[in-house]
Every structure is written in structure tokens, then in C-alpha cells.
Amino acid sequence: MSNKLTGLKIEYTKLTSSEKQELKKFINEFDGKSEFEKGQVNENLRKSLGPINSTACPVCGK
């Protein structure tokens, strides 16, 4: 298992039940999209969220 996946699993355990449901819905909808649509979703998320905080991401280190 990769460090990135382990980090995501740890962060998942910290979510509330409603946040977990929201994430599951997002994943199911995302997986049903074409590769082009997935690229658009990824780009839109990165643009709309920008840097979430001033520290490095605990999952990917960026």
C-alpha cells in the first residue's frame, strides 16, 4: 500500500458520518464519468480550492 493511500485512509477515519457520505457520493459520481470529465472535475477542484492552508498537505506533502 502506498503512503498516499495510507494517509487518505487515516484522514477518512477522522471524517464525520455526513462527510463520509458526501465523499462516497463524490467518488461514485466521479468514477462514473468519462476520462475527459474526470480531468475537468480535477482541474475545477484545484482552481476553486487553491491552497487550502499555508502548510504542506499531510497526505501528498505538496
N, C-alpha and C. Protein backbone atom coordinates (compact mmCIF):
# COMPACT_ATOMS: atom_id res chain seq x y z
N MET A 1 0.85 -1.17 0.00
CA MET A 1 0.00 0.00 0.00
C MET A 1 0.90 1.24 0.00
N SER A 2 0.54 2.21 -0.81
CA SER A 2 1.35 3.42 -0.89
C SER A 2 1.12 4.32 0.32
N ASN A 3 2.10 5.17 0.57
CA ASN A 3 1.99 6.13 1.67
C ASN A 3 0.81 7.08 1.46
N LYS A 4 0.56 7.44 0.20
CA LYS A 4 -0.54 8.35 -0.10
C LYS A 4 -1.88 7.70 0.27
N LEU A 5 -2.03 6.42 -0.08
CA LEU A 5 -3.27 5.72 0.24
C LEU A 5 -3.42 5.53 1.75
N THR A 6 -2.35 5.23 2.42
CA THR A 6 -2.40 5.10 3.88
C THR A 6 -2.83 6.42 4.51
N GLY A 7 -2.27 7.52 4.02
CA GLY A 7 -2.63 8.84 4.53
C GLY A 7 -4.11 9.15 4.31
N LEU A 8 -4.61 8.78 3.13
CA LEU A 8 -6.03 9.01 2.86
C LEU A 8 -6.91 8.19 3.80
N LYS A 9 -6.52 6.96 4.05
CA LYS A 9 -7.30 6.12 4.96
C LYS A 9 -7.32 6.71 6.38
N ILE A 10 -6.21 7.21 6.81
CA ILE A 10 -6.14 7.83 8.14
C ILE A 10 -7.05 9.04 8.19
N GLU A 11 -6.98 9.89 7.17
CA GLU A 11 -7.81 11.09 7.14
C GLU A 11 -9.29 10.73 7.05
N TYR A 12 -9.62 9.65 6.35
CA TYR A 12 -11.01 9.21 6.23
C TYR A 12 -11.59 8.87 7.60
N THR A 13 -10.79 8.25 8.44
CA THR A 13 -11.29 7.88 9.77
C THR A 13 -11.61 9.10 10.62
N LYS A 14 -11.10 10.25 10.26
CA LYS A 14 -11.33 11.47 11.02
C LYS A 14 -12.60 12.20 10.58
N LEU A 15 -13.21 11.78 9.48
CA LEU A 15 -14.39 12.45 8.96
C LEU A 15 -15.62 12.09 9.79
N THR A 16 -16.58 13.01 9.79
CA THR A 16 -17.87 12.71 10.41
C THR A 16 -18.65 11.79 9.48
N SER A 17 -19.73 11.23 9.98
CA SER A 17 -20.56 10.34 9.15
C SER A 17 -21.10 11.05 7.91
N SER A 18 -21.53 12.28 8.08
CA SER A 18 -22.06 13.02 6.92
C SER A 18 -20.96 13.35 5.92
N GLU A 19 -19.76 13.64 6.40
CA GLU A 19 -18.64 13.90 5.49
C GLU A 19 -18.27 12.63 4.73
N LYS A 20 -18.32 11.49 5.40
CA LYS A 20 -18.03 10.21 4.73
C LYS A 20 -19.05 9.94 3.64
N GLN A 21 -20.33 10.21 3.92
CA GLN A 21 -21.38 10.01 2.93
C GLN A 21 -21.17 10.92 1.73
N GLU A 22 -20.81 12.18 1.99
CA GLU A 22 -20.57 13.13 0.91
C GLU A 22 -19.39 12.67 0.05
N LEU A 23 -18.34 12.19 0.69
CA LEU A 23 -17.17 11.70 -0.05
C LEU A 23 -17.51 10.48 -0.89
N LYS A 24 -18.26 9.55 -0.33
CA LYS A 24 -18.66 8.34 -1.06
C LYS A 24 -19.49 8.72 -2.29
N LYS A 25 -20.40 9.68 -2.12
CA LYS A 25 -21.22 10.14 -3.25
C LYS A 25 -20.33 10.74 -4.33
N PHE A 26 -19.37 11.57 -3.93
CA PHE A 26 -18.45 12.19 -4.89
C PHE A 26 -17.67 11.11 -5.64
N ILE A 27 -17.14 10.13 -4.92
CA ILE A 27 -16.35 9.07 -5.55
C ILE A 27 -17.19 8.29 -6.55
N ASN A 28 -18.40 7.91 -6.16
CA ASN A 28 -19.27 7.15 -7.07
C ASN A 28 -19.59 7.95 -8.32
N GLU A 29 -19.91 9.23 -8.16
CA GLU A 29 -20.21 10.08 -9.31
C GLU A 29 -18.96 10.28 -10.17
N PHE A 30 -17.83 10.49 -9.54
CA PHE A 30 -16.56 10.69 -10.26
C PHE A 30 -16.20 9.45 -11.06
N ASP A 31 -16.33 8.28 -10.45
CA ASP A 31 -15.98 7.04 -11.15
C ASP A 31 -16.87 6.77 -12.35
N GLY A 32 -18.07 7.32 -12.36
CA GLY A 32 -18.99 7.13 -13.48
C GLY A 32 -18.75 8.07 -14.64
N LYS A 33 -17.82 8.98 -14.51
CA LYS A 33 -17.55 9.97 -15.56
C LYS A 33 -16.52 9.45 -16.56
N SER A 34 -16.52 10.06 -17.73
CA SER A 34 -15.50 9.74 -18.74
C SER A 34 -14.16 10.33 -18.29
N GLU A 35 -13.10 9.90 -18.94
CA GLU A 35 -11.77 10.41 -18.59
C GLU A 35 -11.69 11.92 -18.81
N PHE A 36 -12.33 12.41 -19.85
CA PHE A 36 -12.34 13.85 -20.11
C PHE A 36 -13.04 14.59 -18.98
N GLU A 37 -14.21 14.08 -18.57
CA GLU A 37 -14.96 14.72 -17.49
C GLU A 37 -14.18 14.66 -16.17
N LYS A 38 -13.49 13.57 -15.93
CA LYS A 38 -12.67 13.45 -14.71
C LYS A 38 -11.58 14.51 -14.70
N GLY A 39 -10.98 14.75 -15.86
CA GLY A 39 -9.97 15.79 -15.96
C GLY A 39 -10.54 17.17 -15.66
N GLN A 40 -11.74 17.41 -16.14
CA GLN A 40 -12.39 18.70 -15.89
C GLN A 40 -12.70 18.86 -14.40
N VAL A 41 -13.20 17.81 -13.77
CA VAL A 41 -13.51 17.87 -12.34
C VAL A 41 -12.24 18.14 -11.55
N ASN A 42 -11.17 17.44 -11.88
CA ASN A 42 -9.90 17.62 -11.19
C ASN A 42 -9.40 19.06 -11.33
N GLU A 43 -9.44 19.57 -12.54
CA GLU A 43 -8.98 20.95 -12.78
C GLU A 43 -9.85 21.96 -12.03
N ASN A 44 -11.16 21.76 -12.07
CA ASN A 44 -12.07 22.69 -11.38
C ASN A 44 -11.85 22.66 -9.88
N LEU A 45 -11.62 21.49 -9.31
CA LEU A 45 -11.36 21.39 -7.87
C LEU A 45 -10.09 22.14 -7.50
N ARG A 46 -9.03 21.91 -8.28
CA ARG A 46 -7.75 22.58 -7.98
C ARG A 46 -7.88 24.09 -8.09
N LYS A 47 -8.61 24.56 -9.10
CA LYS A 47 -8.77 26.00 -9.28
C LYS A 47 -9.65 26.62 -8.21
N SER A 48 -10.74 25.94 -7.85
CA SER A 48 -11.68 26.53 -6.90
C SER A 48 -11.16 26.47 -5.47
N LEU A 49 -10.42 25.43 -5.13
CA LEU A 49 -9.93 25.30 -3.76
C LEU A 49 -8.65 26.08 -3.53
N GLY A 50 -7.77 26.09 -4.50
CA GLY A 50 -6.48 26.74 -4.33
C GLY A 50 -5.78 26.16 -3.12
N PRO A 51 -4.81 26.86 -2.59
CA PRO A 51 -4.17 26.37 -1.37
C PRO A 51 -5.17 26.39 -0.22
N ILE A 52 -5.38 25.25 0.39
CA ILE A 52 -6.37 25.14 1.47
C ILE A 52 -5.85 25.80 2.73
N ASN A 53 -4.56 25.67 2.99
CA ASN A 53 -3.95 26.37 4.12
C ASN A 53 -2.49 26.62 3.77
N SER A 54 -1.79 27.26 4.65
CA SER A 54 -0.41 27.65 4.34
C SER A 54 0.60 26.55 4.57
N THR A 55 0.19 25.45 5.18
CA THR A 55 1.12 24.35 5.43
C THR A 55 1.05 23.33 4.31
N ALA A 56 1.99 22.44 4.27
CA ALA A 56 2.01 21.40 3.27
C ALA A 56 0.90 20.39 3.54
N CYS A 57 0.43 19.78 2.49
CA CYS A 57 -0.61 18.76 2.59
C CYS A 57 -0.06 17.55 3.37
N PRO A 58 -0.78 17.10 4.38
CA PRO A 58 -0.29 15.96 5.17
C PRO A 58 -0.30 14.65 4.38
N VAL A 59 -1.07 14.61 3.28
CA VAL A 59 -1.16 13.38 2.50
C VAL A 59 -0.09 13.31 1.43
N CYS A 60 0.02 14.37 0.61
CA CYS A 60 0.95 14.31 -0.52
C CYS A 60 2.23 15.10 -0.29
N GLY A 61 2.24 15.97 0.72
CA GLY A 61 3.45 16.74 1.01
C GLY A 61 3.61 18.00 0.19
N LYS A 62 2.69 18.29 -0.71
CA LYS A 62 2.81 19.49 -1.55
C LYS A 62 2.25 20.70 -0.84
